Amino acid sequence: MEMTHPPHLANRNTAVQDGFLGYLDGILRNREDYFAGIFEGRAIGKNLAYLFIIVIGLSAFYGITMGASKGLSLQLLATAIKVPLLYLLTLLVCYPVLYVVIVIMGSKLSFLQTFALIMLAIALNSILLASCAPIVLFFTLTGADYDFLKLLHVTIFAFSGAWGMAGLWRGLQAMCEKSELYPKQAIKILRVWVLVFAFVGTQMAWSLRPFIGSPGMEFQIFRTEQTGNFYQAVWQSIARLSDVD
């Protein structure tokens, strides 16, 4: 008599065997299976390879739509490189302290296992970014105002980032109930770390600007003048759209 496995076990066994598109679909449908695989230490290298491809490829795709407001120009290429760089550099700055703190608090996950969990959240973020790209392209091609586009991008980044980190938090909660590898206290630290990641990310975005390209200004890889900050720029865009000085 042929034995069959329950669907959730089948998914776990094939999480990294269905190819890139299957992996991408699995992140959206069966994230808990991916969390379980990482907690069990299965195929960590292959998981990380797929996650890096997703983050770099899809965030670069969104970057192309950001630079599209300047037409077919170097801004397209520059922004396609900068958006993945934004996530990877922010992670490089913020990840070490998270890992050290959660190890002190009792986590038994390895460096790469913990890193894979964070990359899974950023991959979900990148998928959501890419799904919003047609909306951005629509407003860009229909001549939307520069300040409107800037605020639209900020909103999309905030929405995608919040969903990505919420997915990580829910996944870790589920794993904490089934495993002693990750203490529940570490989830509280994760909340604080997410805020730190957001603040570092906004400052990193300010340092890597321009992403869209201001109208009337020549192409620059980076802005030579760094006056003000990210939050002032957002407020100024809101004020201009609202006709408020």
C-alpha atoms as a PDB file:
ATOM      1  CA  MET A   1       0.000   0.000   0.000  1.00  0.00           C
ATOM      2  CA  GLU A   2       1.485   3.331  -1.073  1.00  0.00           C
ATOM      3  CA  MET A   3       2.038   5.768   1.768  1.00  0.00           C
ATOM      4  CA  THR A   4       1.181   9.408   1.319  1.00  0.00           C
ATOM      5  CA  HIS A   5       2.362  12.340   3.376  1.00  0.00           C
ATOM      6  CA  PRO A   6       0.112  15.073   4.721  1.00  0.00           C
ATOM      7  CA  PRO A   7       0.226  18.207   2.554  1.00  0.00           C
ATOM      8  CA  HIS A   8       2.108  20.280   5.141  1.00  0.00           C
ATOM      9  CA  LEU A   9       4.856  17.634   5.424  1.00  0.00           C
ATOM     10  CA  ALA A  10       5.070  17.345   1.663  1.00  0.00           C
ATOM     11  CA  ASN A  11       5.576  21.078   1.428  1.00  0.00           C
ATOM     12  CA  ARG A  12       8.359  20.943   3.996  1.00  0.00           C
ATOM     13  CA  ASN A  13      10.139  18.185   2.107  1.00  0.00           C
ATOM     14  CA  THR A  14       9.989  20.047  -1.204  1.00  0.00           C
ATOM     15  CA  ALA A  15      10.394  23.649   0.018  1.00  0.00           C
ATOM     16  CA  VAL A  16      13.670  24.124  -1.827  1.00  0.00           C
ATOM     17  CA  GLN A  17      13.186  21.442  -4.507  1.00  0.00           C
ATOM     18  CA  ASP A  18      10.489  23.062  -6.631  1.00  0.00           C
ATOM     19  CA  GLY A  19      12.744  25.621  -8.277  1.00  0.00           C
ATOM     20  CA  PHE A  20      12.843  29.369  -7.938  1.00  0.00           C
ATOM     21  CA  LEU A  21       9.209  30.051  -8.877  1.00  0.00           C
ATOM     22  CA  GLY A  22       7.985  27.331  -6.541  1.00  0.00           C
ATOM     23  CA  TYR A  23      10.086  28.790  -3.762  1.00  0.00           C
ATOM     24  CA  LEU A  24       8.697  32.251  -4.451  1.00  0.00           C
ATOM     25  CA  ASP A  25       5.133  30.948  -4.341  1.00  0.00           C
ATOM     26  CA  GLY A  26       5.875  29.054  -1.150  1.00  0.00           C
ATOM     27  CA  ILE A  27       6.932  32.205   0.683  1.00  0.00           C
ATOM     28  CA  LEU A  28       3.483  33.617   0.040  1.00  0.00           C
ATOM     29  CA  ARG A  29       1.480  30.462   0.765  1.00  0.00           C
ATOM     30  CA  ASN A  30       3.480  28.301   3.189  1.00  0.00           C
ATOM     31  CA  ARG A  31       5.825  30.539   5.162  1.00  0.00           C
ATOM     32  CA  GLU A  32       5.502  28.379   8.273  1.00  0.00           C
ATOM     33  CA  ASP A  33       7.027  25.462   6.366  1.00  0.00           C
ATOM     34  CA  TYR A  34      10.022  27.612   5.492  1.00  0.00           C
ATOM     35  CA  PHE A  35      10.390  28.719   9.111  1.00  0.00           C
ATOM     36  CA  ALA A  36      10.251  25.075  10.198  1.00  0.00           C
ATOM     37  CA  GLY A  37      12.910  24.108   7.665  1.00  0.00           C
ATOM     38  CA  ILE A  38      15.230  26.888   8.858  1.00  0.00           C
ATOM     39  CA  PHE A  39      14.672  25.946  12.510  1.00  0.00           C
ATOM     40  CA  GLU A  40      15.552  22.335  11.665  1.00  0.00           C
ATOM     41  CA  GLY A  41      18.666  23.482   9.797  1.00  0.00           C
ATOM     42  CA  ARG A  42      17.647  21.952   6.459  1.00  0.00           C
ATOM     43  CA  ALA A  43      19.156  23.325   3.244  1.00  0.00           C
ATOM     44  CA  ILE A  44      20.210  26.626   4.830  1.00  0.00           C
ATOM     45  CA  GLY A  45      22.675  27.383   2.039  1.00  0.00           C
ATOM     46  CA  LYS A  46      20.095  26.806  -0.692  1.00  0.00           C
ATOM     47  CA  ASN A  47      17.496  28.808   1.225  1.00  0.00           C
ATOM     48  CA  LEU A  48      19.892  31.740   1.509  1.00  0.00           C
ATOM     49  CA  ALA A  49      20.780  31.523  -2.187  1.00  0.00           C
ATOM     50  CA  TYR A  50      17.113  31.724  -3.198  1.00  0.00           C
ATOM     51  CA  LEU A  51      16.424  34.501  -0.687  1.00  0.00           C
ATOM     52  CA  PHE A  52      19.306  36.602  -1.985  1.00  0.00           C
ATOM     53  CA  ILE A  53      18.070  36.156  -5.558  1.00  0.00           C
ATOM     54  CA  ILE A  54      14.568  37.255  -4.530  1.00  0.00           C
ATOM     55  CA  VAL A  55      15.751  40.284  -2.572  1.00  0.00           C
ATOM     56  CA  ILE A  56      18.221  41.489  -5.191  1.00  0.00           C
ATOM     57  CA  GLY A  57      16.088  40.677  -8.243  1.00  0.00           C
ATOM     58  CA  LEU A  58      12.700  41.954  -7.100  1.00  0.00           C
ATOM     59  CA  SER A  59      13.951  45.031  -5.256  1.00  0.00           C
ATOM     60  CA  ALA A  60      16.036  45.909  -8.326  1.00  0.00           C
ATOM     61  CA  PHE A  61      12.898  45.568 -10.444  1.00  0.00           C
ATOM     62  CA  TYR A  62      11.102  47.998  -8.158  1.00  0.00           C
ATOM     63  CA  GLY A  63      14.125  50.291  -8.368  1.00  0.00           C
ATOM     64  CA  ILE A  64      13.721  50.435 -12.144  1.00  0.00           C
ATOM     65  CA  THR A  65      10.168  51.750 -11.715  1.00  0.00           C
ATOM     66  CA  MET A  66      11.452  54.364  -9.258  1.00  0.00           C
ATOM     67  CA  GLY A  67      13.957  55.651 -11.792  1.00  0.00           C
ATOM     68  CA  ALA A  68      11.419  55.586 -14.643  1.00  0.00           C
ATOM     69  CA  SER A  69      10.327  59.149 -13.881  1.00  0.00           C
ATOM     70  CA  LYS A  70      13.530  60.319 -15.600  1.00  0.00           C
ATOM     71  CA  GLY A  71      12.833  58.228 -18.708  1.00  0.00           C
ATOM     72  CA  LEU A  72      15.439  55.984 -20.283  1.00  0.00           C
ATOM     73  CA  SER A  73      18.426  57.343 -18.421  1.00  0.00           C
ATOM     74  CA  LEU A  74      21.204  56.332 -16.077  1.00  0.00           C
ATOM     75  CA  GLN A  75      18.759  56.897 -13.218  1.00  0.00           C
ATOM     76  CA  LEU A  76      17.106  53.561 -14.089  1.00  0.00           C
ATOM     77  CA  LEU A  77      20.373  51.657 -13.666  1.00  0.00           C
ATOM     78  CA  ALA A  78      21.445  53.599 -10.590  1.00  0.00           C
ATOM     79  CA  THR A  79      18.187  53.029  -8.734  1.00  0.00           C
ATOM     80  CA  ALA A  80      18.051  49.361  -9.743  1.00  0.00           C
ATOM     81  CA  ILE A  81      21.369  48.958  -7.914  1.00  0.00           C
ATOM     82  CA  LYS A  82      20.580  51.241  -4.995  1.00  0.00           C
ATOM     83  CA  VAL A  83      17.338  49.625  -3.779  1.00  0.00           C
ATOM     84  CA  PRO A  84      18.885  46.153  -3.173  1.00  0.00           C
ATOM     85  CA  LEU A  85      21.943  47.906  -1.746  1.00  0.00           C
ATOM     86  CA  LEU A  86      19.700  49.800   0.656  1.00  0.00           C
ATOM     87  CA  TYR A  87      18.370  46.578   2.179  1.00  0.00           C
ATOM     88  CA  LEU A  88      21.672  44.711   2.239  1.00  0.00           C
ATOM     89  CA  LEU A  89      23.673  47.568   3.769  1.00  0.00           C
ATOM     90  CA  THR A  90      21.004  48.202   6.401  1.00  0.00           C
ATOM     91  CA  LEU A  91      21.024  44.504   7.275  1.00  0.00           C
ATOM     92  CA  LEU A  92      24.835  44.542   7.447  1.00  0.00           C
ATOM     93  CA  VAL A  93      24.685  47.374   9.992  1.00  0.00           C
ATOM     94  CA  CYS A  94      21.801  46.048  12.102  1.00  0.00           C
ATOM     95  CA  TYR A  95      22.108  42.261  12.074  1.00  0.00           C
ATOM     96  CA  PRO A  96      25.193  41.712  14.297  1.00  0.00           C
ATOM     97  CA  VAL A  97      23.644  43.329  17.366  1.00  0.00           C
ATOM     98  CA  LEU A  98      20.419  41.341  16.920  1.00  0.00           C
ATOM     99  CA  TYR A  99      22.288  38.050  16.727  1.00  0.00           C
ATOM    100  CA  VAL A 100      24.490  38.757  19.747  1.00  0.00           C
ATOM    101  CA  VAL A 101      21.541  39.856  21.900  1.00  0.00           C
ATOM    102  CA  ILE A 102      19.303  36.893  21.071  1.00  0.00           C
ATOM    103  CA  VAL A 103      22.180  34.466  21.701  1.00  0.00           C
ATOM    104  CA  ILE A 104      22.679  36.066  25.119  1.00  0.00           C
ATOM    105  CA  MET A 105      18.955  35.600  25.727  1.00  0.00           C
ATOM    106  CA  GLY A 106      19.179  31.879  25.013  1.00  0.00           C
ATOM    107  CA  SER A 107      18.676  31.347  21.271  1.00  0.00           C
ATOM    108  CA  LYS A 108      20.179  28.075  20.026  1.00  0.00           C
ATOM    109  CA  LEU A 109      19.922  28.961  16.338  1.00  0.00           C
ATOM    110  CA  SER A 110      23.172  29.338  14.422  1.00  0.00           C
ATOM    111  CA  PHE A 111      24.370  32.564  12.819  1.00  0.00           C
ATOM    112  CA  LEU A 112      23.194  31.440   9.358  1.00  0.00           C
ATOM    113  CA  GLN A 113      19.843  30.132  10.623  1.00  0.00           C
ATOM    114  CA  THR A 114      19.057  33.472  12.267  1.00  0.00           C
ATOM    115  CA  PHE A 115      20.272  35.326   9.199  1.00  0.00           C
ATOM    116  CA  ALA A 116      18.030  33.195   6.973  1.00  0.00           C
ATOM    117  CA  LEU A 117      15.001  34.093   9.121  1.00  0.00           C
ATOM    118  CA  ILE A 118      15.691  37.810   8.684  1.00  0.00           C
ATOM    119  CA  MET A 119      16.320  37.353   4.957  1.00  0.00           C
ATOM    120  CA  LEU A 120      12.967  35.582   4.676  1.00  0.00           C
ATOM    121  CA  ALA A 121      11.255  38.713   6.032  1.00  0.00           C
ATOM    122  CA  ILE A 122      13.188  40.968   3.642  1.00  0.00           C
ATOM    123  CA  ALA A 123      12.325  38.634   0.757  1.00  0.00           C
ATOM    124  CA  LEU A 124       8.619  38.994   1.584  1.00  0.00           C
ATOM    125  CA  ASN A 125       9.193  42.743   1.678  1.00  0.00           C
ATOM    126  CA  SER A 126      10.771  42.610  -1.799  1.00  0.00           C
ATOM    127  CA  ILE A 127       7.895  40.533  -3.191  1.00  0.00           C
ATOM    128  CA  LEU A 128       5.407  43.135  -1.962  1.00  0.00           C
ATOM    129  CA  LEU A 129       7.524  45.934  -3.434  1.00  0.00           C
ATOM    130  CA  ALA A 130       7.571  44.243  -6.831  1.00  0.00           C
ATOM    131  CA  SER A 131       3.802  43.682  -6.713  1.00  0.00           C
ATOM    132  CA  CYS A 132       3.332  47.443  -6.258  1.00  0.00           C
ATOM    133  CA  ALA A 133       5.569  48.293  -9.220  1.00  0.00           C
ATOM    134  CA  PRO A 134       2.691  48.466 -11.782  1.00  0.00           C
ATOM    135  CA  ILE A 135       0.918  51.041  -9.590  1.00  0.00           C
ATOM    136  CA  VAL A 136       4.063  53.166  -9.424  1.00  0.00           C
ATOM    137  CA  LEU A 137       4.607  52.832 -13.171  1.00  0.00           C
ATOM    138  CA  PHE A 138       1.018  53.892 -13.866  1.00  0.00           C
ATOM    139  CA  PHE A 139       1.335  57.123 -11.885  1.00  0.00           C
ATOM    140  CA  THR A 140       4.781  57.783 -13.344  1.00  0.00           C
ATOM    141  CA  LEU A 141       3.623  57.396 -16.960  1.00  0.00           C
ATOM    142  CA  THR A 142       0.504  59.514 -16.385  1.00  0.00           C
ATOM    143  CA  GLY A 143       2.618  62.459 -15.254  1.00  0.00           C
ATOM    144  CA  ALA A 144       2.149  62.427 -11.481  1.00  0.00           C
ATOM    145  CA  ASP A 145       3.826  65.206  -9.527  1.00  0.00           C
ATOM    146  CA  TYR A 146       7.346  64.588  -8.179  1.00  0.00           C
ATOM    147  CA  ASP A 147       6.288  65.147  -4.563  1.00  0.00           C
ATOM    148  CA  PHE A 148       3.338  62.777  -4.996  1.00  0.00           C
ATOM    149  CA  LEU A 149       5.638  60.075  -6.393  1.00  0.00           C
ATOM    150  CA  LYS A 150       8.069  60.538  -3.529  1.00  0.00           C
ATOM    151  CA  LEU A 151       5.326  60.113  -0.930  1.00  0.00           C
ATOM    152  CA  LEU A 152       3.911  57.143  -2.857  1.00  0.00           C
ATOM    153  CA  HIS A 153       7.282  55.404  -2.686  1.00  0.00           C
ATOM    154  CA  VAL A 154       7.637  56.142   1.028  1.00  0.00           C
ATOM    155  CA  THR A 155       4.166  54.674   1.639  1.00  0.00           C
ATOM    156  CA  ILE A 156       4.911  51.534  -0.377  1.00  0.00           C
ATOM    157  CA  PHE A 157       8.247  50.974   1.371  1.00  0.00           C
ATOM    158  CA  ALA A 158       6.599  51.428   4.779  1.00  0.00           C
ATOM    159  CA  PHE A 159       3.703  49.087   3.904  1.00  0.00           C
ATOM    160  CA  SER A 160       5.978  46.380   2.477  1.00  0.00           C
ATOM    161  CA  GLY A 161       8.428  46.630   5.360  1.00  0.00           C
ATOM    162  CA  ALA A 162       5.671  46.396   7.968  1.00  0.00           C
ATOM    163  CA  TRP A 163       4.160  43.294   6.340  1.00  0.00           C
ATOM    164  CA  GLY A 164       7.565  41.656   5.951  1.00  0.00           C
ATOM    165  CA  MET A 165       8.496  42.125   9.596  1.00  0.00           C
ATOM    166  CA  ALA A 166       4.986  41.144  10.750  1.00  0.00           C
ATOM    167  CA  GLY A 167       5.386  37.894   8.807  1.00  0.00           C
ATOM    168  CA  LEU A 168       8.691  37.268  10.576  1.00  0.00           C
ATOM    169  CA  TRP A 169       7.167  37.984  13.982  1.00  0.00           C
ATOM    170  CA  ARG A 170       4.188  35.661  13.399  1.00  0.00           C
ATOM    171  CA  GLY A 171       6.460  32.919  12.083  1.00  0.00           C
ATOM    172  CA  LEU A 172       8.762  33.112  15.089  1.00  0.00           C
ATOM    173  CA  GLN A 173       5.804  33.055  17.459  1.00  0.00           C
ATOM    174  CA  ALA A 174       4.562  29.859  15.836  1.00  0.00           C
ATOM    175  CA  MET A 175       8.023  28.285  16.021  1.00  0.00           C
ATOM    176  CA  CYS A 176       8.467  29.259  19.679  1.00  0.00           C
ATOM    177  CA  GLU A 177       5.398  27.178  20.521  1.00  0.00           C
ATOM    178  CA  LYS A 178       6.904  24.115  18.844  1.00  0.00           C
ATOM    179  CA  SER A 179      10.604  24.446  19.583  1.00  0.00           C
ATOM    180  CA  GLU A 180      12.941  25.468  22.385  1.00  0.00           C
ATOM    181  CA  LEU A 181      15.527  26.779  19.933  1.00  0.00           C
ATOM    182  CA  TYR A 182      14.263  30.357  20.045  1.00  0.00           C
ATOM    183  CA  PRO A 183      13.142  31.844  23.398  1.00  0.00           C
ATOM    184  CA  LYS A 184       9.939  33.890  23.522  1.00  0.00           C
ATOM    185  CA  GLN A 185      11.820  36.729  25.209  1.00  0.00           C
ATOM    186  CA  ALA A 186      13.840  37.174  22.018  1.00  0.00           C
ATOM    187  CA  ILE A 187      10.668  38.148  20.141  1.00  0.00           C
ATOM    188  CA  LYS A 188      10.388  41.211  22.372  1.00  0.00           C
ATOM    189  CA  ILE A 189      13.933  42.140  21.375  1.00  0.00           C
ATOM    190  CA  LEU A 190      12.948  41.640  17.743  1.00  0.00           C
ATOM    191  CA  ARG A 191      10.290  44.361  18.078  1.00  0.00           C
ATOM    192  CA  VAL A 192      12.905  46.854  19.223  1.00  0.00           C
ATOM    193  CA  TRP A 193      15.305  45.704  16.501  1.00  0.00           C
ATOM    194  CA  VAL A 194      12.664  46.247  13.808  1.00  0.00           C
ATOM    195  CA  LEU A 195      12.390  49.891  14.881  1.00  0.00           C
ATOM    196  CA  VAL A 196      16.183  50.230  14.803  1.00  0.00           C
ATOM    197  CA  PHE A 197      16.226  48.618  11.349  1.00  0.00           C
ATOM    198  CA  ALA A 198      13.608  51.117  10.144  1.00  0.00           C
ATOM    199  CA  PHE A 199      15.501  54.140  11.465  1.00  0.00           C
ATOM    200  CA  VAL A 200      18.824  52.952  10.050  1.00  0.00           C
ATOM    201  CA  GLY A 201      17.090  52.155   6.753  1.00  0.00           C
ATOM    202  CA  THR A 202      15.622  55.643   6.403  1.00  0.00           C
ATOM    203  CA  GLN A 203      19.013  57.225   7.093  1.00  0.00           C
ATOM    204  CA  MET A 204      20.656  54.811   4.654  1.00  0.00           C
ATOM    205  CA  ALA A 205      18.070  55.790   2.020  1.00  0.00           C
ATOM    206  CA  TRP A 206      18.871  59.460   2.638  1.00  0.00           C
ATOM    207  CA  SER A 207      22.591  58.753   2.185  1.00  0.00           C
ATOM    208  CA  LEU A 208      22.029  56.798  -1.048  1.00  0.00           C
ATOM    209  CA  ARG A 209      19.668  59.339  -2.644  1.00  0.00           C
ATOM    210  CA  PRO A 210      18.553  60.230  -5.271  1.00  0.00           C
ATOM    211  CA  PHE A 211      16.273  57.306  -6.089  1.00  0.00           C
ATOM    212  CA  ILE A 212      13.696  59.098  -8.215  1.00  0.00           C
ATOM    213  CA  GLY A 213      15.675  62.055  -9.519  1.00  0.00           C
ATOM    214  CA  SER A 214      14.505  65.612  -8.914  1.00  0.00           C
ATOM    215  CA  PRO A 215      13.013  67.338 -11.975  1.00  0.00           C
ATOM    216  CA  GLY A 216      15.288  69.988 -13.438  1.00  0.00           C
ATOM    217  CA  MET A 217      18.435  68.493 -11.871  1.00  0.00           C
ATOM    218  CA  GLU A 218      21.175  66.658 -13.706  1.00  0.00           C
ATOM    219  CA  PHE A 219      21.838  62.986 -12.993  1.00  0.00           C
ATOM    220  CA  GLN A 220      23.942  62.307  -9.911  1.00  0.00           C
ATOM    221  CA  ILE A 221      24.858  58.944  -8.458  1.00  0.00           C
ATOM    222  CA  PHE A 222      24.732  60.484  -4.988  1.00  0.00           C
ATOM    223  CA  ARG A 223      23.650  63.926  -3.854  1.00  0.00           C
ATOM    224  CA  THR A 224      26.731  65.975  -3.058  1.00  0.00           C
ATOM    225  CA  GLU A 225      24.798  68.184  -0.650  1.00  0.00           C
ATOM    226  CA  GLN A 226      23.366  66.349   2.370  1.00  0.00           C
ATOM    227  CA  THR A 227      21.397  69.119   4.064  1.00  0.00           C
ATOM    228  CA  GLY A 228      18.312  68.215   6.074  1.00  0.00           C
ATOM    229  CA  ASN A 229      17.145  64.648   6.654  1.00  0.00           C
ATOM    230  CA  PHE A 230      14.663  62.075   5.421  1.00  0.00           C
ATOM    231  CA  TYR A 231      11.824  63.206   7.670  1.00  0.00           C
ATOM    232  CA  GLN A 232      12.198  66.862   6.727  1.00  0.00           C
ATOM    233  CA  ALA A 233      12.086  65.912   3.044  1.00  0.00           C
ATOM    234  CA  VAL A 234       8.879  63.922   3.540  1.00  0.00           C
ATOM    235  CA  TRP A 235       7.253  66.772   5.458  1.00  0.00           C
ATOM    236  CA  GLN A 236       8.240  69.285   2.769  1.00  0.00           C
ATOM    237  CA  SER A 237       6.649  67.089   0.105  1.00  0.00           C
ATOM    238  CA  ILE A 238       3.437  66.836   2.155  1.00  0.00           C
ATOM    239  CA  ALA A 239       3.446  70.602   2.650  1.00  0.00           C
ATOM    240  CA  ARG A 240       3.900  71.308  -1.056  1.00  0.00           C
ATOM    241  CA  LEU A 241       1.103  68.922  -2.005  1.00  0.00           C
ATOM    242  CA  SER A 242      -1.147  70.526   0.590  1.00  0.00           C
ATOM    243  CA  ASP A 243      -0.096  74.075  -0.353  1.00  0.00           C
ATOM    244  CA  VAL A 244       1.105  74.595   3.214  1.00  0.00           C
ATOM    245  CA  ASP A 245       4.285  76.597   3.851  1.00  0.00           C
END
